[in-house]
Amino acid sequence: MKRIIFLLLTLQLLLTSVCNAFEPPTDKRWLWLGSTDKAGCWLDTASTRYVIDDSYNHKNHKQVIVWILFYNAEKNSQSRHLVTCDISCEQYKTTQALIYDSQDNIIDSINADFMNFESIPPETFAETIFIACQKLWYTDPRNDNLK
């Protein structure tokens, strides 16, 4: 009897964790960039924008603006970040972030338009995002007028 109860409790725990597991995006617009046992990262190719910056510090720099989806396995949450990658000076910045709980409810949002560009640390998701944006700049047909 104890074994049956233990087995039922174990099955319930397994089913609960499977039901609440993160579902990676299946829409073709999301490009998988990589994952670890703790996090996953996708780039939204459909909303990608290409600009030539006209600000003082980055005048005539090639920039890619893109939404990035991160999944945090430890917190069972996801976030979407609006990231600008400066292809010309190899820097990036996050201008907006939306944090969702496991039921896809927004639990926090951050508007960081004032942030400065930062260097890209090697062997990080930031570097992977930058490399993807760099490739998109040169290969995406929607960017033909700025190349």
Foldseek 3Di string as FASTA:
>chain_A
DVVVVVVVVVVVVVVVCVVLADDPDPDPQWAWLDADPFKTKTWRNVPKDWDQDCDDVRHRWIKIWTKMKMAGPVQLKIKIWTKIAGLRVQWIDTQKMFIAHSVRDTPDIDGRNVDDTDHQDPPDVSVSVNVVRNVCCPPPPVNVVSD
